[in-house]
Amino acid sequence: MTYEPANANWNLAVFGTNLTNERLINSGFFHGIWGFDFATVGRPREAGVQMNFKFK
């Protein structure tokens, strides 16, 4: 989400991914006898703030 006032030289953004911190497997290979041979897990909860200035 980004906030940018009218006629301003700056903006402010906030962002986030996996805000519920869900644990999941993105991909992998399932072997019937041994279970997962390998797996790629999802990224943890991430959030951030970004502020930009425009210089003229």
PDB file of N, CA and C in Angstrom:
ATOM      1  N   MET A   1       0.844  -1.135   0.000  1.00  0.00           N
ATOM      2  CA  MET A   1       0.000   0.000   0.000  1.00  0.00           C
ATOM      3  C   MET A   1       0.911   1.225   0.000  1.00  0.00           C
ATOM      4  N   THR A   2       0.597   2.200  -0.840  1.00  0.00           N
ATOM      5  CA  THR A   2       1.420   3.403  -0.961  1.00  0.00           C
ATOM      6  C   THR A   2       0.574   4.645  -0.716  1.00  0.00           C
ATOM      7  N   TYR A   3       1.119   5.590   0.031  1.00  0.00           N
ATOM      8  CA  TYR A   3       0.481   6.884   0.264  1.00  0.00           C
ATOM      9  C   TYR A   3       1.356   7.956  -0.377  1.00  0.00           C
ATOM     10  N   GLU A   4       0.757   8.754  -1.261  1.00  0.00           N
ATOM     11  CA  GLU A   4       1.486   9.832  -1.921  1.00  0.00           C
ATOM     12  C   GLU A   4       0.590  11.065  -1.956  1.00  0.00           C
ATOM     13  N   PRO A   5       0.884  12.074  -1.131  1.00  0.00           N
ATOM     14  CA  PRO A   5       0.068  13.281  -1.111  1.00  0.00           C
ATOM     15  C   PRO A   5       0.133  14.020  -2.454  1.00  0.00           C
ATOM     16  N   ALA A   6      -0.937  14.727  -2.787  1.00  0.00           N
ATOM     17  CA  ALA A   6      -0.961  15.521  -4.018  1.00  0.00           C
ATOM     18  C   ALA A   6       0.093  16.627  -3.932  1.00  0.00           C
ATOM     19  N   ASN A   7       0.775  16.870  -5.031  1.00  0.00           N
ATOM     20  CA  ASN A   7       1.798  17.920  -5.137  1.00  0.00           C
ATOM     21  C   ASN A   7       2.916  17.773  -4.105  1.00  0.00           C
ATOM     22  N   ALA A   8       3.241  16.562  -3.721  1.00  0.00           N
ATOM     23  CA  ALA A   8       4.319  16.330  -2.757  1.00  0.00           C
ATOM     24  C   ALA A   8       5.507  15.690  -3.473  1.00  0.00           C
ATOM     25  N   ASN A   9       6.681  15.824  -2.883  1.00  0.00           N
ATOM     26  CA  ASN A   9       7.879  15.220  -3.466  1.00  0.00           C
ATOM     27  C   ASN A   9       8.304  13.954  -2.720  1.00  0.00           C
ATOM     28  N   TRP A  10       7.361  13.294  -2.051  1.00  0.00           N
ATOM     29  CA  TRP A  10       7.672  12.082  -1.320  1.00  0.00           C
ATOM     30  C   TRP A  10       6.472  11.131  -1.350  1.00  0.00           C
ATOM     31  N   ASN A  11       6.737   9.870  -1.044  1.00  0.00           N
ATOM     32  CA  ASN A  11       5.664   8.898  -0.828  1.00  0.00           C
ATOM     33  C   ASN A  11       6.121   7.885   0.216  1.00  0.00           C
ATOM     34  N   LEU A  12       5.167   7.190   0.796  1.00  0.00           N
ATOM     35  CA  LEU A  12       5.423   6.231   1.859  1.00  0.00           C
ATOM     36  C   LEU A  12       4.687   4.943   1.513  1.00  0.00           C
ATOM     37  N   ALA A  13       5.384   3.821   1.584  1.00  0.00           N
ATOM     38  CA  ALA A  13       4.785   2.522   1.256  1.00  0.00           C
ATOM     39  C   ALA A  13       5.031   1.547   2.398  1.00  0.00           C
ATOM     40  N   VAL A  14       4.058   0.686   2.645  1.00  0.00           N
ATOM     41  CA  VAL A  14       4.206  -0.430   3.586  1.00  0.00           C
ATOM     42  C   VAL A  14       3.881  -1.708   2.819  1.00  0.00           C
ATOM     43  N   PHE A  15       4.564  -2.783   3.170  1.00  0.00           N
ATOM     44  CA  PHE A  15       4.339  -4.033   2.457  1.00  0.00           C
ATOM     45  C   PHE A  15       4.561  -5.206   3.403  1.00  0.00           C
ATOM     46  N   GLY A  16       4.006  -6.340   3.022  1.00  0.00           N
ATOM     47  CA  GLY A  16       4.186  -7.538   3.824  1.00  0.00           C
ATOM     48  C   GLY A  16       3.840  -8.784   3.032  1.00  0.00           C
ATOM     49  N   THR A  17       4.470  -9.892   3.395  1.00  0.00           N
ATOM     50  CA  THR A  17       4.173 -11.191   2.807  1.00  0.00           C
ATOM     51  C   THR A  17       4.059 -12.217   3.925  1.00  0.00           C
ATOM     52  N   ASN A  18       3.205 -13.189   3.739  1.00  0.00           N
ATOM     53  CA  ASN A  18       2.981 -14.262   4.701  1.00  0.00           C
ATOM     54  C   ASN A  18       2.738 -13.696   6.103  1.00  0.00           C
ATOM     55  N   LEU A  19       1.811 -12.747   6.207  1.00  0.00           N
ATOM     56  CA  LEU A  19       1.573 -12.060   7.473  1.00  0.00           C
ATOM     57  C   LEU A  19       1.027 -12.978   8.557  1.00  0.00           C
ATOM     58  N   THR A  20       0.442 -14.107   8.200  1.00  0.00           N
ATOM     59  CA  THR A  20      -0.042 -15.065   9.196  1.00  0.00           C
ATOM     60  C   THR A  20       1.042 -16.047   9.610  1.00  0.00           C
ATOM     61  N   ASN A  21       2.237 -15.929   9.017  1.00  0.00           N
ATOM     62  CA  ASN A  21       3.388 -16.785   9.319  1.00  0.00           C
ATOM     63  C   ASN A  21       3.061 -18.267   9.124  1.00  0.00           C
ATOM     64  N   GLU A  22       2.322 -18.560   8.053  1.00  0.00           N
ATOM     65  CA  GLU A  22       1.941 -19.934   7.741  1.00  0.00           C
ATOM     66  C   GLU A  22       3.157 -20.729   7.295  1.00  0.00           C
ATOM     67  N   ARG A  23       3.286 -21.948   7.783  1.00  0.00           N
ATOM     68  CA  ARG A  23       4.381 -22.828   7.367  1.00  0.00           C
ATOM     69  C   ARG A  23       3.875 -23.688   6.222  1.00  0.00           C
ATOM     70  N   LEU A  24       4.599 -23.674   5.114  1.00  0.00           N
ATOM     71  CA  LEU A  24       4.155 -24.430   3.958  1.00  0.00           C
ATOM     72  C   LEU A  24       5.337 -24.939   3.162  1.00  0.00           C
ATOM     73  N   ILE A  25       5.070 -25.913   2.331  1.00  0.00           N
ATOM     74  CA  ILE A  25       6.081 -26.470   1.438  1.00  0.00           C
ATOM     75  C   ILE A  25       5.731 -26.024   0.027  1.00  0.00           C
ATOM     76  N   ASN A  26       6.659 -25.310  -0.623  1.00  0.00           N
ATOM     77  CA  ASN A  26       6.432 -24.810  -1.981  1.00  0.00           C
ATOM     78  C   ASN A  26       6.544 -25.907  -3.025  1.00  0.00           C
ATOM     79  N   SER A  27       7.524 -26.756  -2.877  1.00  0.00           N
ATOM     80  CA  SER A  27       7.735 -27.817  -3.858  1.00  0.00           C
ATOM     81  C   SER A  27       8.528 -28.939  -3.212  1.00  0.00           C
ATOM     82  N   GLY A  28       8.597 -30.054  -3.893  1.00  0.00           N
ATOM     83  CA  GLY A  28       9.365 -31.175  -3.381  1.00  0.00           C
ATOM     84  C   GLY A  28       9.073 -32.425  -4.184  1.00  0.00           C
ATOM     85  N   PHE A  29       9.732 -33.473  -3.824  1.00  0.00           N
ATOM     86  CA  PHE A  29       9.562 -34.760  -4.486  1.00  0.00           C
ATOM     87  C   PHE A  29       9.085 -35.747  -3.437  1.00  0.00           C
ATOM     88  N   PHE A  30       7.948 -36.362  -3.667  1.00  0.00           N
ATOM     89  CA  PHE A  30       7.399 -37.300  -2.704  1.00  0.00           C
ATOM     90  C   PHE A  30       7.657 -38.720  -3.174  1.00  0.00           C
ATOM     91  N   HIS A  31       8.292 -39.488  -2.329  1.00  0.00           N
ATOM     92  CA  HIS A  31       8.555 -40.891  -2.613  1.00  0.00           C
ATOM     93  C   HIS A  31       7.638 -41.709  -1.719  1.00  0.00           C
ATOM     94  N   GLY A  32       6.929 -42.669  -2.267  1.00  0.00           N
ATOM     95  CA  GLY A  32       5.921 -43.413  -1.541  1.00  0.00           C
ATOM     96  C   GLY A  32       6.406 -44.084  -0.268  1.00  0.00           C
ATOM     97  N   ILE A  33       7.619 -44.604  -0.256  1.00  0.00           N
ATOM     98  CA  ILE A  33       8.111 -45.331   0.913  1.00  0.00           C
ATOM     99  C   ILE A  33       8.771 -44.383   1.914  1.00  0.00           C
ATOM    100  N   TRP A  34       9.604 -43.474   1.433  1.00  0.00           N
ATOM    101  CA  TRP A  34      10.436 -42.648   2.311  1.00  0.00           C
ATOM    102  C   TRP A  34       9.818 -41.299   2.653  1.00  0.00           C
ATOM    103  N   GLY A  35       8.739 -40.928   2.021  1.00  0.00           N
ATOM    104  CA  GLY A  35       8.173 -39.602   2.256  1.00  0.00           C
ATOM    105  C   GLY A  35       8.874 -38.585   1.389  1.00  0.00           C
ATOM    106  N   PHE A  36       9.044 -37.384   1.868  1.00  0.00           N
ATOM    107  CA  PHE A  36       9.689 -36.335   1.078  1.00  0.00           C
ATOM    108  C   PHE A  36      11.183 -36.592   0.983  1.00  0.00           C
ATOM    109  N   ASP A  37      11.702 -36.630  -0.237  1.00  0.00           N
ATOM    110  CA  ASP A  37      13.144 -36.722  -0.441  1.00  0.00           C
ATOM    111  C   ASP A  37      13.796 -35.356  -0.283  1.00  0.00           C
ATOM    112  N   PHE A  38      13.131 -34.319  -0.788  1.00  0.00           N
ATOM    113  CA  PHE A  38      13.601 -32.950  -0.591  1.00  0.00           C
ATOM    114  C   PHE A  38      12.394 -32.036  -0.666  1.00  0.00           C
ATOM    115  N   ALA A  39      12.515 -30.856  -0.114  1.00  0.00           N
ATOM    116  CA  ALA A  39      11.404 -29.909  -0.138  1.00  0.00           C
ATOM    117  C   ALA A  39      11.947 -28.488  -0.059  1.00  0.00           C
ATOM    118  N   THR A  40      11.200 -27.559  -0.619  1.00  0.00           N
ATOM    119  CA  THR A  40      11.490 -26.139  -0.519  1.00  0.00           C
ATOM    120  C   THR A  40      10.396 -25.516   0.335  1.00  0.00           C
ATOM    121  N   VAL A  41      10.769 -24.925   1.451  1.00  0.00           N
ATOM    122  CA  VAL A  41       9.772 -24.335   2.352  1.00  0.00           C
ATOM    123  C   VAL A  41       9.523 -22.878   1.988  1.00  0.00           C
ATOM    124  N   GLY A  42       8.336 -22.389   2.364  1.00  0.00           N
ATOM    125  CA  GLY A  42       7.974 -21.002   2.091  1.00  0.00           C
ATOM    126  C   GLY A  42       8.750 -20.031   2.966  1.00  0.00           C
ATOM    127  N   ARG A  43       8.789 -18.785   2.528  1.00  0.00           N
ATOM    128  CA  ARG A  43       9.495 -17.748   3.286  1.00  0.00           C
ATOM    129  C   ARG A  43       8.722 -17.403   4.554  1.00  0.00           C
ATOM    130  N   PRO A  44       9.409 -16.966   5.608  1.00  0.00           N
ATOM    131  CA  PRO A  44       8.725 -16.597   6.849  1.00  0.00           C
ATOM    132  C   PRO A  44       8.003 -15.257   6.697  1.00  0.00           C
ATOM    133  N   ARG A  45       7.383 -14.811   7.767  1.00  0.00           N
ATOM    134  CA  ARG A  45       6.698 -13.517   7.766  1.00  0.00           C
ATOM    135  C   ARG A  45       7.709 -12.411   7.474  1.00  0.00           C
ATOM    136  N   GLU A  46       7.351 -11.527   6.552  1.00  0.00           N
ATOM    137  CA  GLU A  46       8.208 -10.391   6.218  1.00  0.00           C
ATOM    138  C   GLU A  46       7.343  -9.146   6.075  1.00  0.00           C
ATOM    139  N   ALA A  47       7.831  -8.029   6.589  1.00  0.00           N
ATOM    140  CA  ALA A  47       7.124  -6.756   6.490  1.00  0.00           C
ATOM    141  C   ALA A  47       8.154  -5.642   6.406  1.00  0.00           C
ATOM    142  N   GLY A  48       7.738  -4.519   5.826  1.00  0.00           N
ATOM    143  CA  GLY A  48       8.675  -3.415   5.708  1.00  0.00           C
ATOM    144  C   GLY A  48       7.990  -2.102   5.393  1.00  0.00           C
ATOM    145  N   VAL A  49       8.761  -1.046   5.489  1.00  0.00           N
ATOM    146  CA  VAL A  49       8.316   0.315   5.191  1.00  0.00           C
ATOM    147  C   VAL A  49       9.336   0.924   4.256  1.00  0.00           C
ATOM    148  N   GLN A  50       8.854   1.650   3.263  1.00  0.00           N
ATOM    149  CA  GLN A  50       9.754   2.308   2.312  1.00  0.00           C
ATOM    150  C   GLN A  50       9.302   3.757   2.145  1.00  0.00           C
ATOM    151  N   MET A  51      10.260   4.679   2.164  1.00  0.00           N
ATOM    152  CA  MET A  51       9.962   6.099   1.947  1.00  0.00           C
ATOM    153  C   MET A  51      10.841   6.611   0.826  1.00  0.00           C
ATOM    154  N   ASN A  52      10.230   7.293  -0.145  1.00  0.00           N
ATOM    155  CA  ASN A  52      10.952   7.824  -1.304  1.00  0.00           C
ATOM    156  C   ASN A  52      10.838   9.333  -1.347  1.00  0.00           C
ATOM    157  N   PHE A  53      11.920   9.981  -1.739  1.00  0.00           N
ATOM    158  CA  PHE A  53      11.948  11.418  -1.944  1.00  0.00           C
ATOM    159  C   PHE A  53      12.328  11.702  -3.389  1.00  0.00           C
ATOM    160  N   LYS A  54      11.724  12.711  -3.994  1.00  0.00           N
ATOM    161  CA  LYS A  54      12.048  13.131  -5.351  1.00  0.00           C
ATOM    162  C   LYS A  54      12.738  14.491  -5.277  1.00  0.00           C
ATOM    163  N   PHE A  55      13.972  14.553  -5.758  1.00  0.00           N
ATOM    164  CA  PHE A  55      14.725  15.792  -5.762  1.00  0.00           C
ATOM    165  C   PHE A  55      14.672  16.410  -7.141  1.00  0.00           C
ATOM    166  N   LYS A  56      14.350  17.662  -7.212  1.00  0.00           N
ATOM    167  CA  LYS A  56      14.266  18.351  -8.503  1.00  0.00           C
ATOM    168  C   LYS A  56      15.303  19.432  -8.609  1.00  0.00           C
TER     169      LYS A  56
END
